[in-house]
Amino acid sequence: MSENKLSDNPVCRRYQAQIDQLADGPADRIGAGLARHVAMCEACRKRLGEITAVQYLLDRAKWRAMPADTLALCNRQAMKKLETRVRESAKGRKLAVIKPDLPLWQRTSIVLGRTGVGLAAGLAVLAFNWAATGGLYVTHDQFQRLAETHQKLHIGDWDNPENSAV
C-alpha cells in the first residue's frame, strides 16, 4: 500500500482514510473499529506500520542534535536533484532546444556581434604573436652580435687559430 492506492473494498477505503488522518495527526489515538480492522487486514496493517515507523523516525530525528550547516547542505542537495529532474523531464528537453522567435535583423545583429568579437580576439592574438616574435628576433640578433664580438676579442678565429690576434 506504499503507492497510496486505495483498496476496492469500501470498508478498507474508510479505514485507509482514517489511517491517512493518523499520518497528519500523529498524536491521535487509534479507534477500536480501526484496531479490529487492522488486526484482520494485512494491507491496512502494513500501511499503518509504515506510517508509525515514519512517525517514530521523525520523532527521534526531532530531538537529535544536527551538525552545523545541515540545513544548507540538505537544501543544496535538494536543489541539485530538482534541477536534474527538471532537465531530464520532457518539458526541460523541449526548453533546451527552443530558440527565441526573433526578427531577422536581431538574429543578424547577434551573429555579426559574435563574429566581430571573434575577429577582434583573433587579431589581438595575431598582433601579440607578431610583437612577441619580433622582439625575440631582435634579442636573438643582439646575442649573436655579442657572441661574435666576444669571439673576436677573446677567442680569435676558430677556423684559423694561427692568424688569431689573441
Protein backbone atom coordinates (compact mmCIF):
# COMPACT_ATOMS: atom_id res chain seq x y z
CA MET A 1 0.00 0.00 0.00
CA SER A 2 3.03 2.28 -0.18
CA GLU A 3 1.79 3.58 -3.55
CA ASN A 4 -1.18 5.22 -1.75
CA LYS A 5 -3.64 3.11 -3.75
CA LEU A 6 -6.99 2.60 -2.14
CA SER A 7 -8.42 -0.87 -1.90
CA ASP A 8 -11.56 -1.86 -3.80
CA ASN A 9 -13.19 -2.87 -0.54
CA PRO A 10 -15.34 0.04 0.79
CA VAL A 11 -14.56 -0.88 4.42
CA CYS A 12 -10.82 -0.75 3.69
CA ARG A 13 -11.30 2.60 1.96
CA ARG A 14 -12.93 4.08 5.04
CA TYR A 15 -10.23 2.74 7.34
CA GLN A 16 -7.47 3.79 4.96
CA ALA A 17 -8.80 7.33 5.15
CA GLN A 18 -8.58 7.09 8.96
CA ILE A 19 -5.03 5.72 8.70
CA ASP A 20 -4.06 8.64 6.45
CA GLN A 21 -5.53 11.03 9.03
CA LEU A 22 -3.23 9.43 11.60
CA ALA A 23 -0.30 10.43 9.37
CA ASP A 24 -1.47 14.06 9.54
CA GLY A 25 -2.04 13.98 13.30
CA PRO A 26 0.35 11.50 14.94
CA ALA A 27 -0.97 12.34 18.43
CA ASP A 28 -4.43 10.96 17.54
CA ARG A 29 -5.44 7.63 19.03
CA ILE A 30 -6.49 4.59 17.02
CA GLY A 31 -10.16 3.79 17.42
CA ALA A 32 -11.43 0.33 18.41
CA GLY A 33 -13.00 -0.29 14.98
CA LEU A 34 -9.78 0.59 13.20
CA ALA A 35 -7.79 -1.62 15.58
CA ARG A 36 -10.08 -4.60 14.85
CA HIS A 37 -9.87 -3.97 11.10
CA VAL A 38 -6.06 -3.66 11.16
CA ALA A 39 -5.85 -6.93 13.08
CA MET A 40 -7.72 -8.67 10.21
CA CYS A 41 -6.49 -6.75 7.10
CA GLU A 42 -2.87 -7.29 6.08
CA ALA A 43 -2.75 -4.31 3.65
CA CYS A 44 -4.09 -1.84 6.24
CA ARG A 45 -1.75 -3.27 8.89
CA LYS A 46 1.20 -2.74 6.55
CA ARG A 47 0.07 0.82 5.76
CA LEU A 48 -0.35 1.65 9.46
CA GLY A 49 3.06 0.11 10.21
CA GLU A 50 4.70 2.29 7.57
CA ILE A 51 3.08 5.42 8.96
CA THR A 52 4.01 4.66 12.56
CA ALA A 53 7.60 3.83 11.53
CA VAL A 54 7.91 7.18 9.76
CA GLN A 55 6.38 8.99 12.75
CA TYR A 56 8.81 7.21 15.09
CA LEU A 57 11.84 8.16 12.97
CA LEU A 58 10.65 11.76 12.67
CA ASP A 59 10.20 11.95 16.43
CA ARG A 60 13.72 10.56 17.01
CA ALA A 61 15.26 12.95 14.49
CA LYS A 62 13.48 15.92 16.07
CA TRP A 63 15.43 15.64 19.31
CA ARG A 64 18.79 14.69 17.87
CA ALA A 65 21.43 17.43 17.59
CA MET A 66 22.28 18.21 13.97
CA PRO A 67 25.76 19.19 12.77
CA ALA A 68 26.29 22.80 11.78
CA ASP A 69 25.13 23.79 8.29
CA THR A 70 22.99 20.65 7.87
CA LEU A 71 20.00 22.59 6.58
CA ALA A 72 22.07 24.40 3.95
CA LEU A 73 23.59 21.10 2.80
CA CYS A 74 20.16 19.48 2.54
CA ASN A 75 18.81 22.46 0.60
CA ARG A 76 21.74 22.35 -1.86
CA GLN A 77 21.26 18.62 -2.43
CA ALA A 78 17.52 19.04 -2.87
CA MET A 79 18.02 21.86 -5.39
CA LYS A 80 20.52 19.77 -7.37
CA LYS A 81 18.06 16.88 -7.52
CA LEU A 82 15.25 19.22 -8.52
CA GLU A 83 17.36 20.83 -11.26
CA THR A 84 18.35 17.38 -12.55
CA ARG A 85 14.71 16.26 -12.61
CA VAL A 86 13.66 19.40 -14.47
CA ARG A 87 16.45 18.97 -17.03
CA GLU A 88 15.52 15.31 -17.57
CA SER A 89 11.81 16.00 -17.93
CA ALA A 90 10.14 16.25 -21.34
CA LYS A 91 9.47 19.96 -20.82
CA GLY A 92 13.10 20.51 -19.84
CA ARG A 93 14.35 18.82 -23.02
CA LYS A 94 11.92 20.89 -25.07
CA LEU A 95 13.10 24.13 -23.43
CA ALA A 96 16.72 23.16 -24.01
CA VAL A 97 16.27 23.25 -27.79
CA ILE A 98 13.77 26.08 -28.01
CA LYS A 99 15.01 29.19 -29.76
CA PRO A 100 13.53 32.64 -29.30
CA ASP A 101 11.30 33.99 -32.04
CA LEU A 102 13.44 36.98 -33.04
CA PRO A 103 13.13 39.06 -36.19
CA LEU A 104 15.76 38.56 -38.88
CA TRP A 105 17.54 41.85 -38.16
CA GLN A 106 18.05 40.89 -34.49
CA ARG A 107 19.37 37.43 -35.36
CA THR A 108 21.71 39.03 -37.91
CA SER A 109 22.99 41.57 -35.38
CA ILE A 110 23.67 38.75 -32.89
CA VAL A 111 25.63 36.77 -35.48
CA LEU A 112 27.58 39.84 -36.60
CA GLY A 113 28.30 40.80 -33.00
CA ARG A 114 29.65 37.34 -32.22
CA THR A 115 31.68 37.35 -35.42
CA GLY A 116 33.10 40.80 -34.63
CA VAL A 117 34.16 39.73 -31.15
CA GLY A 118 35.79 36.59 -32.53
CA LEU A 119 37.56 38.53 -35.26
CA ALA A 120 38.84 41.13 -32.78
CA ALA A 121 40.13 38.40 -30.47
CA GLY A 122 41.87 36.68 -33.37
CA LEU A 123 43.54 39.93 -34.49
CA ALA A 124 44.64 40.66 -30.94
CA VAL A 125 46.28 37.22 -30.69
CA LEU A 126 47.93 37.70 -34.09
CA ALA A 127 49.29 41.15 -33.14
CA PHE A 128 50.58 39.88 -29.80
CA ASN A 129 52.24 36.91 -31.50
CA TRP A 130 53.85 39.17 -34.12
CA ALA A 131 55.12 41.59 -31.46
CA ALA A 132 56.47 38.80 -29.28
CA THR A 133 58.28 37.00 -32.09
CA GLY A 134 59.62 40.31 -33.45
CA GLY A 135 61.10 41.07 -30.05
CA LEU A 136 62.61 37.61 -29.90
CA TYR A 137 64.31 38.11 -33.27
CA VAL A 138 65.81 41.44 -32.12
CA THR A 139 67.07 39.81 -28.94
CA HIS A 140 68.47 36.87 -30.92
CA ASP A 141 70.34 39.23 -33.27
CA GLN A 142 71.81 41.18 -30.34
CA PHE A 143 73.02 37.96 -28.67
CA GLN A 144 74.52 36.84 -31.99
CA ARG A 145 76.45 40.10 -32.34
CA LEU A 146 77.59 39.88 -28.71
CA ALA A 147 78.86 36.34 -29.30
CA GLU A 148 80.74 37.39 -32.44
CA THR A 149 82.34 40.35 -30.64
CA HIS A 150 83.39 38.13 -27.72
CA GLN A 151 84.87 35.61 -30.13
CA LYS A 152 86.90 38.28 -31.98
CA LEU A 153 88.24 39.90 -28.81
CA HIS A 154 88.92 36.90 -26.59
CA ILE A 155 88.91 33.68 -28.59
CA GLY A 156 90.10 34.53 -32.04
CA ASP A 157 89.41 32.75 -35.32
CA TRP A 158 88.15 29.21 -34.84
CA ASP A 159 88.93 28.14 -38.39
CA ASN A 160 92.48 29.52 -38.49
CA PRO A 161 93.97 29.74 -34.97
CA GLU A 162 97.42 30.71 -36.26
CA ASN A 163 96.18 34.04 -37.68
CA SER A 164 94.39 34.86 -34.43
CA ALA A 165 95.33 38.18 -32.86
CA VAL A 166 94.88 36.92 -29.32
